[in-house]
Amino acid sequence: MVDIPVTVFFNEEFYAHEQAPFHPESPERLRGIVQNLKTNGLWDEVQSSTGKDADHLRLVHDNDYVEFIRSCGECSITMDTSVHRETYDIALLSAQCAIDAVRHSKEERAPSFALTRPPGHHAGPDYGMGFCYFNNISIAAAYLLENGDGRIAIVDPDVHHGNGTEHIFRDRSDVLYISTHQGGIFPGTGNVDFVGSGEGEGYTLNLPFASGCGDSTYNLAYAKVVMPVLKQFRPDAILVSFGTDGHYRDPLASLSLSSEGHLLLVRKLLELSESCGGRITFMLEGGYDIPSLSEVAAATVGLFRGVEVPLRFTEVVDNSCLGRSVVEHCAKNASEYWDL
């Protein structure tokens, strides 16, 4: 391992966001990550966001929707996603955290990790759902495109398909969106045969895996589809929707990635980011088993810094490539647009 400068972006205000008692998307997720980073001596390059420019939200969200979140007070937008009086300001700050992280990565030519909370990849142009209000990673991608970049790649390993991110960029060829997720669960999108539309045809790739798929399936997916397409796309920056709910310990889904399996994907993306000047930014999405979430997050930062974080949850459940047929199906679709 080598020591690569990496900055963590985090605000104490994120702890104040609470959906409801016993809700899986709780402040304890973030506390677990922060504690694990501190335990492993990785809490020394941390920056907080200060400005909150609401105009950035409108890069991807309709004005009426932004105003609804700002003004509704106490309401629910779905059964599992509630808005409270403080929600707008904290969600706006989370989006700013994402922008600050990608801007820092661009200026310093180095990785960054944004502990964005609330998460964002289920939020679309005029809706929120799945614990998300504003789409942090999409806002950051749109910000980069507005400020000189020509191509942004978004890689989404969260176990739930990033329907909001796909919706926002499905018609565009300047954003490549690749999602690996569990099929047949919330939000019910991310079909393997959807590859984008209009000018964006071929720039969306979905790999919906069945229950039980894990390390060997993901290794094949990255080798056969994800990495070759990313290399050909030649992005100016790589943004990662960092969700660890594909872990075998996670209570909200049933994929079987181990902690080492997650880290292997990080290594591959980090190596590829050298081709875009080290510009890669991870943004927190899902992951609801706090021990595995905090372990993988700390190990990711440790990988950049040359610090080996001990891993406890390393059982390999899928060693026979259970999702091979999905990878081959996606590769066949992708080969119409990319040299595979």
C-alpha atoms as a PDB file:
ATOM      1  CA  MET A   1       0.000   0.000   0.000  1.00  0.00           C
ATOM      2  CA  VAL A   2       1.087   3.557  -0.682  1.00  0.00           C
ATOM      3  CA  ASP A   3       0.282   6.750   1.156  1.00  0.00           C
ATOM      4  CA  ILE A   4      -2.053   8.817  -1.035  1.00  0.00           C
ATOM      5  CA  PRO A   5      -3.405  12.065   0.412  1.00  0.00           C
ATOM      6  CA  VAL A   6      -7.126  11.667   0.999  1.00  0.00           C
ATOM      7  CA  THR A   7      -9.424  14.167   2.660  1.00  0.00           C
ATOM      8  CA  VAL A   8     -12.604  13.206   4.496  1.00  0.00           C
ATOM      9  CA  PHE A   9     -15.482  15.689   4.339  1.00  0.00           C
ATOM     10  CA  PHE A  10     -17.848  15.637   7.303  1.00  0.00           C
ATOM     11  CA  ASN A  11     -20.144  17.941   9.269  1.00  0.00           C
ATOM     12  CA  GLU A  12     -21.329  17.470  12.842  1.00  0.00           C
ATOM     13  CA  GLU A  13     -24.730  18.732  11.706  1.00  0.00           C
ATOM     14  CA  PHE A  14     -25.334  15.432   9.931  1.00  0.00           C
ATOM     15  CA  TYR A  15     -25.885  13.778  13.320  1.00  0.00           C
ATOM     16  CA  ALA A  16     -28.987  15.931  13.821  1.00  0.00           C
ATOM     17  CA  HIS A  17     -30.854  14.285  10.950  1.00  0.00           C
ATOM     18  CA  GLU A  18     -33.247  11.641  12.269  1.00  0.00           C
ATOM     19  CA  GLN A  19     -36.069  10.068  10.283  1.00  0.00           C
ATOM     20  CA  ALA A  20     -37.852   8.371  13.177  1.00  0.00           C
ATOM     21  CA  PRO A  21     -37.013   6.246  16.226  1.00  0.00           C
ATOM     22  CA  PHE A  22     -35.402   2.921  15.259  1.00  0.00           C
ATOM     23  CA  HIS A  23     -35.151   3.954  11.614  1.00  0.00           C
ATOM     24  CA  PRO A  24     -32.330   2.048   9.817  1.00  0.00           C
ATOM     25  CA  GLU A  25     -30.857   5.261   8.389  1.00  0.00           C
ATOM     26  CA  SER A  26     -29.803   6.552  11.794  1.00  0.00           C
ATOM     27  CA  PRO A  27     -27.060   8.892  13.029  1.00  0.00           C
ATOM     28  CA  GLU A  28     -25.374   5.835  14.554  1.00  0.00           C
ATOM     29  CA  ARG A  29     -24.242   4.808  11.077  1.00  0.00           C
ATOM     30  CA  LEU A  30     -22.114   7.919  10.837  1.00  0.00           C
ATOM     31  CA  ARG A  31     -20.934   7.676  14.442  1.00  0.00           C
ATOM     32  CA  GLY A  32     -19.721   4.145  13.757  1.00  0.00           C
ATOM     33  CA  ILE A  33     -17.704   5.256  10.734  1.00  0.00           C
ATOM     34  CA  VAL A  34     -16.165   8.225  12.536  1.00  0.00           C
ATOM     35  CA  GLN A  35     -15.227   6.113  15.546  1.00  0.00           C
ATOM     36  CA  ASN A  36     -13.581   3.468  13.370  1.00  0.00           C
ATOM     37  CA  LEU A  37     -11.616   6.114  11.487  1.00  0.00           C
ATOM     38  CA  LYS A  38     -10.442   7.582  14.789  1.00  0.00           C
ATOM     39  CA  THR A  39      -9.546   4.146  16.183  1.00  0.00           C
ATOM     40  CA  ASN A  40      -7.323   3.503  13.169  1.00  0.00           C
ATOM     41  CA  GLY A  41      -5.637   6.908  13.231  1.00  0.00           C
ATOM     42  CA  LEU A  42      -7.396   8.104  10.073  1.00  0.00           C
ATOM     43  CA  TRP A  43      -9.205  11.156  11.418  1.00  0.00           C
ATOM     44  CA  ASP A  44      -6.493  13.730  10.753  1.00  0.00           C
ATOM     45  CA  GLU A  45      -7.438  15.023   7.293  1.00  0.00           C
ATOM     46  CA  VAL A  46     -11.026  16.167   7.832  1.00  0.00           C
ATOM     47  CA  GLN A  47     -12.786  19.204   6.407  1.00  0.00           C
ATOM     48  CA  SER A  48     -16.252  20.592   7.061  1.00  0.00           C
ATOM     49  CA  SER A  49     -18.485  22.429   4.630  1.00  0.00           C
ATOM     50  CA  THR A  50     -19.684  25.904   5.484  1.00  0.00           C
ATOM     51  CA  GLY A  51     -21.463  27.454   2.522  1.00  0.00           C
ATOM     52  CA  LYS A  52     -24.892  26.202   1.449  1.00  0.00           C
ATOM     53  CA  ASP A  53     -25.749  27.354  -2.069  1.00  0.00           C
ATOM     54  CA  ALA A  54     -29.307  26.272  -2.862  1.00  0.00           C
ATOM     55  CA  ASP A  55     -28.751  27.052  -6.539  1.00  0.00           C
ATOM     56  CA  HIS A  56     -26.639  23.895  -6.707  1.00  0.00           C
ATOM     57  CA  LEU A  57     -29.737  21.822  -5.942  1.00  0.00           C
ATOM     58  CA  ARG A  58     -31.390  23.166  -9.066  1.00  0.00           C
ATOM     59  CA  LEU A  59     -28.647  21.727 -11.243  1.00  0.00           C
ATOM     60  CA  VAL A  60     -30.605  18.449 -11.077  1.00  0.00           C
ATOM     61  CA  HIS A  61     -33.826  19.128  -9.120  1.00  0.00           C
ATOM     62  CA  ASP A  62     -36.946  21.038 -10.144  1.00  0.00           C
ATOM     63  CA  ASN A  63     -37.438  24.323  -8.306  1.00  0.00           C
ATOM     64  CA  ASP A  64     -40.940  23.363  -7.090  1.00  0.00           C
ATOM     65  CA  TYR A  65     -39.571  20.206  -5.484  1.00  0.00           C
ATOM     66  CA  VAL A  66     -36.730  22.080  -3.764  1.00  0.00           C
ATOM     67  CA  GLU A  67     -39.232  24.595  -2.420  1.00  0.00           C
ATOM     68  CA  PHE A  68     -41.503  21.815  -1.182  1.00  0.00           C
ATOM     69  CA  ILE A  69     -38.707  20.262   0.900  1.00  0.00           C
ATOM     70  CA  ARG A  70     -37.742  23.713   2.167  1.00  0.00           C
ATOM     71  CA  SER A  71     -41.225  24.758   3.216  1.00  0.00           C
ATOM     72  CA  CYS A  72     -43.323  21.700   4.072  1.00  0.00           C
ATOM     73  CA  GLY A  73     -42.311  21.652   7.746  1.00  0.00           C
ATOM     74  CA  GLU A  74     -43.346  18.239   9.069  1.00  0.00           C
ATOM     75  CA  CYS A  75     -44.507  15.836   6.358  1.00  0.00           C
ATOM     76  CA  SER A  76     -43.799  12.507   4.689  1.00  0.00           C
ATOM     77  CA  ILE A  77     -42.814  12.055   1.068  1.00  0.00           C
ATOM     78  CA  THR A  78     -42.998   8.247   1.276  1.00  0.00           C
ATOM     79  CA  MET A  79     -43.772   5.808   4.078  1.00  0.00           C
ATOM     80  CA  ASP A  80     -40.070   5.487   4.996  1.00  0.00           C
ATOM     81  CA  THR A  81     -38.912   9.036   4.205  1.00  0.00           C
ATOM     82  CA  SER A  82     -40.102  11.879   6.405  1.00  0.00           C
ATOM     83  CA  VAL A  83     -39.335  15.581   6.266  1.00  0.00           C
ATOM     84  CA  HIS A  84     -38.769  17.523   9.474  1.00  0.00           C
ATOM     85  CA  ARG A  85     -38.162  21.218  10.010  1.00  0.00           C
ATOM     86  CA  GLU A  86     -34.384  20.767  10.010  1.00  0.00           C
ATOM     87  CA  THR A  87     -34.307  18.361   7.048  1.00  0.00           C
ATOM     88  CA  TYR A  88     -33.884  20.952   4.295  1.00  0.00           C
ATOM     89  CA  ASP A  89     -30.848  22.642   5.843  1.00  0.00           C
ATOM     90  CA  ILE A  90     -29.093  19.361   6.633  1.00  0.00           C
ATOM     91  CA  ALA A  91     -29.823  17.851   3.210  1.00  0.00           C
ATOM     92  CA  LEU A  92     -28.595  21.056   1.579  1.00  0.00           C
ATOM     93  CA  LEU A  93     -25.407  20.818   3.632  1.00  0.00           C
ATOM     94  CA  SER A  94     -24.982  17.189   2.549  1.00  0.00           C
ATOM     95  CA  ALA A  95     -25.146  18.296  -1.095  1.00  0.00           C
ATOM     96  CA  GLN A  96     -22.591  21.002  -0.358  1.00  0.00           C
ATOM     97  CA  CYS A  97     -20.357  18.394   1.263  1.00  0.00           C
ATOM     98  CA  ALA A  98     -20.485  16.391  -1.984  1.00  0.00           C
ATOM     99  CA  ILE A  99     -19.577  19.446  -4.067  1.00  0.00           C
ATOM    100  CA  ASP A 100     -16.729  20.429  -1.746  1.00  0.00           C
ATOM    101  CA  ALA A 101     -15.336  16.898  -1.929  1.00  0.00           C
ATOM    102  CA  VAL A 102     -15.281  16.731  -5.740  1.00  0.00           C
ATOM    103  CA  ARG A 103     -13.911  20.254  -5.978  1.00  0.00           C
ATOM    104  CA  HIS A 104     -11.099  19.348  -3.570  1.00  0.00           C
ATOM    105  CA  SER A 105     -10.328  16.195  -5.539  1.00  0.00           C
ATOM    106  CA  LYS A 106     -10.123  18.248  -8.726  1.00  0.00           C
ATOM    107  CA  GLU A 107      -7.867  20.913  -7.222  1.00  0.00           C
ATOM    108  CA  GLU A 108      -5.563  18.518  -5.371  1.00  0.00           C
ATOM    109  CA  ARG A 109      -5.651  15.649  -7.913  1.00  0.00           C
ATOM    110  CA  ALA A 110      -6.271  13.260  -5.041  1.00  0.00           C
ATOM    111  CA  PRO A 111      -9.080  11.079  -3.664  1.00  0.00           C
ATOM    112  CA  SER A 112     -11.733  12.397  -1.302  1.00  0.00           C
ATOM    113  CA  PHE A 113     -14.418  10.777   0.817  1.00  0.00           C
ATOM    114  CA  ALA A 114     -17.656  12.641   1.572  1.00  0.00           C
ATOM    115  CA  LEU A 115     -19.597  11.337   4.567  1.00  0.00           C
ATOM    116  CA  THR A 116     -22.807  12.657   3.044  1.00  0.00           C
ATOM    117  CA  ARG A 117     -25.888  12.248   5.184  1.00  0.00           C
ATOM    118  CA  PRO A 118     -28.750  12.064   4.393  1.00  0.00           C
ATOM    119  CA  PRO A 119     -27.897   9.904   1.375  1.00  0.00           C
ATOM    120  CA  GLY A 120     -29.100  10.802  -2.102  1.00  0.00           C
ATOM    121  CA  HIS A 121     -29.112   8.340  -4.984  1.00  0.00           C
ATOM    122  CA  HIS A 122     -32.865   7.599  -4.832  1.00  0.00           C
ATOM    123  CA  ALA A 123     -33.829  11.275  -5.207  1.00  0.00           C
ATOM    124  CA  GLY A 124     -34.922  12.231  -8.710  1.00  0.00           C
ATOM    125  CA  PRO A 125     -35.622  15.567 -10.386  1.00  0.00           C
ATOM    126  CA  ASP A 126     -38.931  16.114  -8.608  1.00  0.00           C
ATOM    127  CA  TYR A 127     -39.142  13.441  -5.937  1.00  0.00           C
ATOM    128  CA  GLY A 128     -37.424  11.956  -2.917  1.00  0.00           C
ATOM    129  CA  MET A 129     -37.677   8.417  -1.571  1.00  0.00           C
ATOM    130  CA  GLY A 130     -35.620   5.682   0.043  1.00  0.00           C
ATOM    131  CA  PHE A 131     -34.269   7.947   2.826  1.00  0.00           C
ATOM    132  CA  CYS A 132     -33.086  10.485   0.180  1.00  0.00           C
ATOM    133  CA  TYR A 133     -34.096  14.112  -0.434  1.00  0.00           C
ATOM    134  CA  PHE A 134     -31.457  15.651  -2.733  1.00  0.00           C
ATOM    135  CA  ASN A 135     -29.218  13.588  -4.988  1.00  0.00           C
ATOM    136  CA  ASN A 136     -25.771  14.451  -3.638  1.00  0.00           C
ATOM    137  CA  ILE A 137     -23.721  12.561  -6.217  1.00  0.00           C
ATOM    138  CA  SER A 138     -25.756  13.840  -9.169  1.00  0.00           C
ATOM    139  CA  ILE A 139     -25.490  17.406  -7.916  1.00  0.00           C
ATOM    140  CA  ALA A 140     -21.722  17.003  -7.615  1.00  0.00           C
ATOM    141  CA  ALA A 141     -21.484  15.501 -11.114  1.00  0.00           C
ATOM    142  CA  ALA A 142     -23.570  18.318 -12.595  1.00  0.00           C
ATOM    143  CA  TYR A 143     -21.425  20.866 -10.742  1.00  0.00           C
ATOM    144  CA  LEU A 144     -18.257  19.436 -12.318  1.00  0.00           C
ATOM    145  CA  LEU A 145     -19.837  19.490 -15.779  1.00  0.00           C
ATOM    146  CA  GLU A 146     -20.839  23.115 -15.237  1.00  0.00           C
ATOM    147  CA  ASN A 147     -17.253  23.949 -14.293  1.00  0.00           C
ATOM    148  CA  GLY A 148     -15.130  22.643 -17.102  1.00  0.00           C
ATOM    149  CA  ASP A 149     -15.297  18.849 -17.050  1.00  0.00           C
ATOM    150  CA  GLY A 150     -16.577  16.970 -20.075  1.00  0.00           C
ATOM    151  CA  ARG A 151     -17.199  13.411 -18.831  1.00  0.00           C
ATOM    152  CA  ILE A 152     -18.096  12.112 -15.381  1.00  0.00           C
ATOM    153  CA  ALA A 153     -18.425   8.447 -14.422  1.00  0.00           C
ATOM    154  CA  ILE A 154     -20.711   7.421 -11.566  1.00  0.00           C
ATOM    155  CA  VAL A 155     -20.213   3.919 -10.184  1.00  0.00           C
ATOM    156  CA  ASP A 156     -22.952   2.753  -7.821  1.00  0.00           C
ATOM    157  CA  PRO A 157     -22.239  -0.439  -5.815  1.00  0.00           C
ATOM    158  CA  ASP A 158     -25.058   0.233  -3.322  1.00  0.00           C
ATOM    159  CA  VAL A 159     -27.332  -2.824  -3.030  1.00  0.00           C
ATOM    160  CA  HIS A 160     -30.353  -0.727  -4.052  1.00  0.00           C
ATOM    161  CA  HIS A 161     -30.477   0.624  -7.573  1.00  0.00           C
ATOM    162  CA  GLY A 162     -29.857   4.375  -7.783  1.00  0.00           C
ATOM    163  CA  ASN A 163     -33.078   5.133  -9.598  1.00  0.00           C
ATOM    164  CA  GLY A 164     -32.773   8.871  -9.007  1.00  0.00           C
ATOM    165  CA  THR A 165     -29.272   9.059 -10.462  1.00  0.00           C
ATOM    166  CA  GLU A 166     -30.306   6.996 -13.469  1.00  0.00           C
ATOM    167  CA  HIS A 167     -33.366   9.185 -14.019  1.00  0.00           C
ATOM    168  CA  ILE A 168     -31.347  12.397 -13.904  1.00  0.00           C
ATOM    169  CA  PHE A 169     -28.720  11.313 -16.422  1.00  0.00           C
ATOM    170  CA  ARG A 170     -30.441   8.657 -18.549  1.00  0.00           C
ATOM    171  CA  ASP A 171     -30.641  10.949 -21.613  1.00  0.00           C
ATOM    172  CA  ARG A 172     -27.060  12.245 -21.417  1.00  0.00           C
ATOM    173  CA  SER A 173     -23.806  10.978 -22.891  1.00  0.00           C
ATOM    174  CA  ASP A 174     -21.515  13.069 -20.680  1.00  0.00           C
ATOM    175  CA  VAL A 175     -22.322  10.960 -17.597  1.00  0.00           C
ATOM    176  CA  LEU A 176     -21.698   7.217 -17.517  1.00  0.00           C
ATOM    177  CA  TYR A 177     -23.789   5.487 -14.857  1.00  0.00           C
ATOM    178  CA  ILE A 178     -22.966   1.904 -13.845  1.00  0.00           C
ATOM    179  CA  SER A 179     -24.990   0.228 -11.109  1.00  0.00           C
ATOM    180  CA  THR A 180     -24.464  -3.172  -9.493  1.00  0.00           C
ATOM    181  CA  HIS A 181     -27.429  -3.958  -7.247  1.00  0.00           C
ATOM    182  CA  GLN A 182     -29.813  -6.627  -6.056  1.00  0.00           C
ATOM    183  CA  GLY A 183     -32.670  -7.158  -8.467  1.00  0.00           C
ATOM    184  CA  GLY A 184     -36.269  -7.514  -7.360  1.00  0.00           C
ATOM    185  CA  ILE A 185     -36.026  -5.325  -4.264  1.00  0.00           C
ATOM    186  CA  PHE A 186     -36.575  -1.612  -3.606  1.00  0.00           C
ATOM    187  CA  PRO A 187     -36.885   0.519  -5.691  1.00  0.00           C
ATOM    188  CA  GLY A 188     -37.728  -2.033  -8.389  1.00  0.00           C
ATOM    189  CA  THR A 189     -35.746  -0.314 -11.157  1.00  0.00           C
ATOM    190  CA  GLY A 190     -32.398  -1.091 -12.763  1.00  0.00           C
ATOM    191  CA  ASN A 191     -33.362  -3.673 -15.363  1.00  0.00           C
ATOM    192  CA  VAL A 192     -30.380  -5.172 -17.175  1.00  0.00           C
ATOM    193  CA  ASP A 193     -31.876  -4.237 -20.545  1.00  0.00           C
ATOM    194  CA  PHE A 194     -32.193  -0.537 -19.793  1.00  0.00           C
ATOM    195  CA  VAL A 195     -29.108   1.185 -21.248  1.00  0.00           C
ATOM    196  CA  GLY A 196     -30.228   4.805 -21.264  1.00  0.00           C
ATOM    197  CA  SER A 197     -32.293   6.685 -23.812  1.00  0.00           C
ATOM    198  CA  GLY A 198     -31.875   9.263 -26.550  1.00  0.00           C
ATOM    199  CA  GLU A 199     -28.393  10.775 -26.539  1.00  0.00           C
ATOM    200  CA  GLY A 200     -27.669   8.741 -23.406  1.00  0.00           C
ATOM    201  CA  GLU A 201     -28.224   5.330 -24.984  1.00  0.00           C
ATOM    202  CA  GLY A 202     -25.339   3.079 -23.976  1.00  0.00           C
ATOM    203  CA  TYR A 203     -24.277   5.286 -21.074  1.00  0.00           C
ATOM    204  CA  THR A 204     -26.335   3.462 -18.427  1.00  0.00           C
ATOM    205  CA  LEU A 205     -25.383  -0.074 -17.452  1.00  0.00           C
ATOM    206  CA  ASN A 206     -27.306  -2.100 -14.881  1.00  0.00           C
ATOM    207  CA  LEU A 207     -26.274  -5.381 -13.306  1.00  0.00           C
ATOM    208  CA  PRO A 208     -29.180  -6.631 -11.133  1.00  0.00           C
ATOM    209  CA  PHE A 209     -27.974  -9.646  -9.156  1.00  0.00           C
ATOM    210  CA  ALA A 210     -29.986 -12.327  -7.398  1.00  0.00           C
ATOM    211  CA  SER A 211     -29.894 -13.027  -3.680  1.00  0.00           C
ATOM    212  CA  GLY A 212     -26.621 -14.657  -2.630  1.00  0.00           C
ATOM    213  CA  CYS A 213     -24.364 -13.077  -5.244  1.00  0.00           C
ATOM    214  CA  GLY A 214     -21.153 -11.717  -3.803  1.00  0.00           C
ATOM    215  CA  ASP A 215     -17.383 -11.637  -4.171  1.00  0.00           C
ATOM    216  CA  SER A 216     -16.800 -13.831  -7.231  1.00  0.00           C
ATOM    217  CA  THR A 217     -19.790 -12.363  -9.083  1.00  0.00           C
ATOM    218  CA  TYR A 218     -18.581  -8.816  -8.507  1.00  0.00           C
ATOM    219  CA  ASN A 219     -15.037  -9.717  -9.519  1.00  0.00           C
ATOM    220  CA  LEU A 220     -16.355 -10.987 -12.844  1.00  0.00           C
ATOM    221  CA  ALA A 221     -18.643  -7.977 -13.310  1.00  0.00           C
ATOM    222  CA  TYR A 222     -15.778  -5.553 -12.789  1.00  0.00           C
ATOM    223  CA  ALA A 223     -13.406  -7.540 -14.996  1.00  0.00           C
ATOM    224  CA  LYS A 224     -15.833  -8.081 -17.880  1.00  0.00           C
ATOM    225  CA  VAL A 225     -17.984  -4.930 -17.846  1.00  0.00           C
ATOM    226  CA  VAL A 226     -17.287  -2.199 -15.303  1.00  0.00           C
ATOM    227  CA  MET A 227     -13.560  -1.646 -15.758  1.00  0.00           C
ATOM    228  CA  PRO A 228     -13.395  -2.037 -19.563  1.00  0.00           C
ATOM    229  CA  VAL A 229     -16.262   0.431 -20.081  1.00  0.00           C
ATOM    230  CA  LEU A 230     -14.813   2.933 -17.608  1.00  0.00           C
ATOM    231  CA  LYS A 231     -11.454   2.820 -19.384  1.00  0.00           C
ATOM    232  CA  GLN A 232     -13.058   3.450 -22.774  1.00  0.00           C
ATOM    233  CA  PHE A 233     -15.235   6.269 -21.429  1.00  0.00           C
ATOM    234  CA  ARG A 234     -12.093   8.084 -20.177  1.00  0.00           C
ATOM    235  CA  PRO A 235     -13.814  10.135 -17.461  1.00  0.00           C
ATOM    236  CA  ASP A 236     -12.420  13.368 -16.093  1.00  0.00           C
ATOM    237  CA  ALA A 237     -13.469  12.147 -12.638  1.00  0.00           C
ATOM    238  CA  ILE A 238     -14.968   9.049 -11.025  1.00  0.00           C
ATOM    239  CA  LEU A 239     -17.695   9.415  -8.397  1.00  0.00           C
ATOM    240  CA  VAL A 240     -18.719   6.426  -6.288  1.00  0.00           C
ATOM    241  CA  SER A 241     -22.062   5.969  -4.527  1.00  0.00           C
ATOM    242  CA  PHE A 242     -20.463   4.282  -1.526  1.00  0.00           C
ATOM    243  CA  GLY A 243     -23.050   1.850  -0.189  1.00  0.00           C
ATOM    244  CA  THR A 244     -22.050  -1.249   1.770  1.00  0.00           C
ATOM    245  CA  ASP A 245     -25.509  -2.792   2.007  1.00  0.00           C
ATOM    246  CA  GLY A 246     -24.406  -5.493  -0.413  1.00  0.00           C
ATOM    247  CA  HIS A 247     -22.499  -6.954   2.544  1.00  0.00           C
ATOM    248  CA  TYR A 248     -23.579 -10.368   3.779  1.00  0.00           C
ATOM    249  CA  ARG A 249     -24.305  -8.877   7.214  1.00  0.00           C
ATOM    250  CA  ASP A 250     -26.670  -6.176   5.999  1.00  0.00           C
ATOM    251  CA  PRO A 251     -30.253  -6.514   7.293  1.00  0.00           C
ATOM    252  CA  LEU A 252     -32.062  -4.814   4.384  1.00  0.00           C
ATOM    253  CA  ALA A 253     -30.913  -7.016   1.493  1.00  0.00           C
ATOM    254  CA  SER A 254     -29.408 -10.417   0.741  1.00  0.00           C
ATOM    255  CA  LEU A 255     -26.306 -10.106  -1.430  1.00  0.00           C
ATOM    256  CA  SER A 256     -23.142 -11.607   0.045  1.00  0.00           C
ATOM    257  CA  LEU A 257     -20.149  -9.329  -0.490  1.00  0.00           C
ATOM    258  CA  SER A 258     -17.522  -9.621   2.212  1.00  0.00           C
ATOM    259  CA  SER A 259     -15.544  -6.711   3.601  1.00  0.00           C
ATOM    260  CA  GLU A 260     -12.562  -7.821   1.518  1.00  0.00           C
ATOM    261  CA  GLY A 261     -14.848  -8.097  -1.510  1.00  0.00           C
ATOM    262  CA  HIS A 262     -15.854  -4.462  -1.065  1.00  0.00           C
ATOM    263  CA  LEU A 263     -12.252  -3.421  -0.657  1.00  0.00           C
ATOM    264  CA  LEU A 264     -11.176  -5.206  -3.829  1.00  0.00           C
ATOM    265  CA  LEU A 265     -13.655  -3.100  -5.805  1.00  0.00           C
ATOM    266  CA  VAL A 266     -12.238   0.034  -4.182  1.00  0.00           C
ATOM    267  CA  ARG A 267      -8.718  -1.023  -5.182  1.00  0.00           C
ATOM    268  CA  LYS A 268      -9.768  -1.482  -8.799  1.00  0.00           C
ATOM    269  CA  LEU A 269     -11.435   1.927  -8.956  1.00  0.00           C
ATOM    270  CA  LEU A 270      -8.518   3.601  -7.221  1.00  0.00           C
ATOM    271  CA  GLU A 271      -6.092   2.134  -9.747  1.00  0.00           C
ATOM    272  CA  LEU A 272      -8.266   3.300 -12.626  1.00  0.00           C
ATOM    273  CA  SER A 273      -8.505   6.811 -11.166  1.00  0.00           C
ATOM    274  CA  GLU A 274      -4.809   7.275 -11.941  1.00  0.00           C
ATOM    275  CA  SER A 275      -5.872   7.705 -15.574  1.00  0.00           C
ATOM    276  CA  CYS A 276      -7.937  10.768 -14.596  1.00  0.00           C
ATOM    277  CA  GLY A 277      -5.296  12.344 -12.410  1.00  0.00           C
ATOM    278  CA  GLY A 278      -6.303  10.684  -9.155  1.00  0.00           C
ATOM    279  CA  ARG A 279      -9.730  12.259  -9.217  1.00  0.00           C
ATOM    280  CA  ILE A 280     -12.054   9.873  -7.408  1.00  0.00           C
ATOM    281  CA  THR A 281     -14.617  10.765  -4.752  1.00  0.00           C
ATOM    282  CA  PHE A 282     -16.608   8.365  -2.581  1.00  0.00           C
ATOM    283  CA  MET A 283     -19.961   9.553  -1.209  1.00  0.00           C
ATOM    284  CA  LEU A 284     -21.811   7.741   1.540  1.00  0.00           C
ATOM    285  CA  GLU A 285     -25.100   6.101   0.557  1.00  0.00           C
ATOM    286  CA  GLY A 286     -26.479   2.952   2.240  1.00  0.00           C
ATOM    287  CA  GLY A 287     -25.180   0.292   4.601  1.00  0.00           C
ATOM    288  CA  TYR A 288     -27.224  -0.569   7.679  1.00  0.00           C
ATOM    289  CA  ASP A 289     -25.093  -3.035   9.587  1.00  0.00           C
ATOM    290  CA  ILE A 290     -22.936  -0.570  11.463  1.00  0.00           C
ATOM    291  CA  PRO A 291     -19.964  -2.876  12.222  1.00  0.00           C
ATOM    292  CA  SER A 292     -19.477  -3.867   8.568  1.00  0.00           C
ATOM    293  CA  LEU A 293     -20.269  -0.377   7.263  1.00  0.00           C
ATOM    294  CA  SER A 294     -17.711   1.262   9.543  1.00  0.00           C
ATOM    295  CA  GLU A 295     -15.145  -1.459   8.837  1.00  0.00           C
ATOM    296  CA  VAL A 296     -15.355  -1.076   5.068  1.00  0.00           C
ATOM    297  CA  ALA A 297     -15.409   2.733   5.232  1.00  0.00           C
ATOM    298  CA  ALA A 298     -12.317   2.853   7.453  1.00  0.00           C
ATOM    299  CA  ALA A 299     -10.520   0.260   5.331  1.00  0.00           C
ATOM    300  CA  THR A 300     -11.263   2.333   2.221  1.00  0.00           C
ATOM    301  CA  VAL A 301      -9.660   5.443   3.693  1.00  0.00           C
ATOM    302  CA  GLY A 302      -6.859   3.273   5.068  1.00  0.00           C
ATOM    303  CA  LEU A 303      -6.192   1.847   1.618  1.00  0.00           C
ATOM    304  CA  PHE A 304      -5.465   5.326   0.308  1.00  0.00           C
ATOM    305  CA  ARG A 305      -3.297   6.210   3.264  1.00  0.00           C
ATOM    306  CA  GLY A 306      -1.230   3.025   3.414  1.00  0.00           C
ATOM    307  CA  VAL A 307      -2.842   2.023   6.718  1.00  0.00           C
ATOM    308  CA  GLU A 308      -4.053  -1.553   7.021  1.00  0.00           C
ATOM    309  CA  VAL A 309      -7.385  -1.657   8.837  1.00  0.00           C
ATOM    310  CA  PRO A 310      -8.133  -5.097  10.345  1.00  0.00           C
ATOM    311  CA  LEU A 311     -11.106  -6.801   8.693  1.00  0.00           C
ATOM    312  CA  ARG A 312     -13.379  -9.115  10.677  1.00  0.00           C
ATOM    313  CA  PHE A 313     -16.123  -9.908   8.194  1.00  0.00           C
ATOM    314  CA  THR A 314     -14.291 -11.736   5.440  1.00  0.00           C
ATOM    315  CA  GLU A 315     -16.378 -14.869   4.847  1.00  0.00           C
ATOM    316  CA  VAL A 316     -16.728 -15.605   1.126  1.00  0.00           C
ATOM    317  CA  VAL A 317     -20.257 -16.841   0.485  1.00  0.00           C
ATOM    318  CA  ASP A 318     -20.261 -16.663  -3.313  1.00  0.00           C
ATOM    319  CA  ASN A 319     -17.179 -18.355  -4.715  1.00  0.00           C
ATOM    320  CA  SER A 320     -18.834 -19.885  -7.795  1.00  0.00           C
ATOM    321  CA  CYS A 321     -19.977 -16.709  -9.575  1.00  0.00           C
ATOM    322  CA  LEU A 322     -23.709 -17.048  -8.965  1.00  0.00           C
ATOM    323  CA  GLY A 323     -24.438 -13.980 -11.079  1.00  0.00           C
ATOM    324  CA  ARG A 324     -22.508 -15.030 -14.179  1.00  0.00           C
ATOM    325  CA  SER A 325     -25.596 -15.001 -16.421  1.00  0.00           C
ATOM    326  CA  VAL A 326     -26.402 -11.399 -15.454  1.00  0.00           C
ATOM    327  CA  VAL A 327     -22.832 -10.291 -16.160  1.00  0.00           C
ATOM    328  CA  GLU A 328     -22.909 -11.992 -19.555  1.00  0.00           C
ATOM    329  CA  HIS A 329     -26.314 -10.466 -20.354  1.00  0.00           C
ATOM    330  CA  CYS A 330     -25.094  -6.981 -19.450  1.00  0.00           C
ATOM    331  CA  ALA A 331     -21.863  -7.495 -21.399  1.00  0.00           C
ATOM    332  CA  LYS A 332     -23.848  -8.499 -24.477  1.00  0.00           C
ATOM    333  CA  ASN A 333     -25.952  -5.345 -24.222  1.00  0.00           C
ATOM    334  CA  ALA A 334     -22.926  -3.148 -23.537  1.00  0.00           C
ATOM    335  CA  SER A 335     -20.982  -4.603 -26.454  1.00  0.00           C
ATOM    336  CA  GLU A 336     -23.330  -2.762 -28.805  1.00  0.00           C
ATOM    337  CA  TYR A 337     -21.797   0.476 -27.562  1.00  0.00           C
ATOM    338  CA  TRP A 338     -18.388  -0.489 -26.128  1.00  0.00           C
ATOM    339  CA  ASP A 339     -15.545  -2.710 -27.256  1.00  0.00           C
ATOM    340  CA  LEU A 340     -15.846  -5.713 -24.966  1.00  0.00           C
END
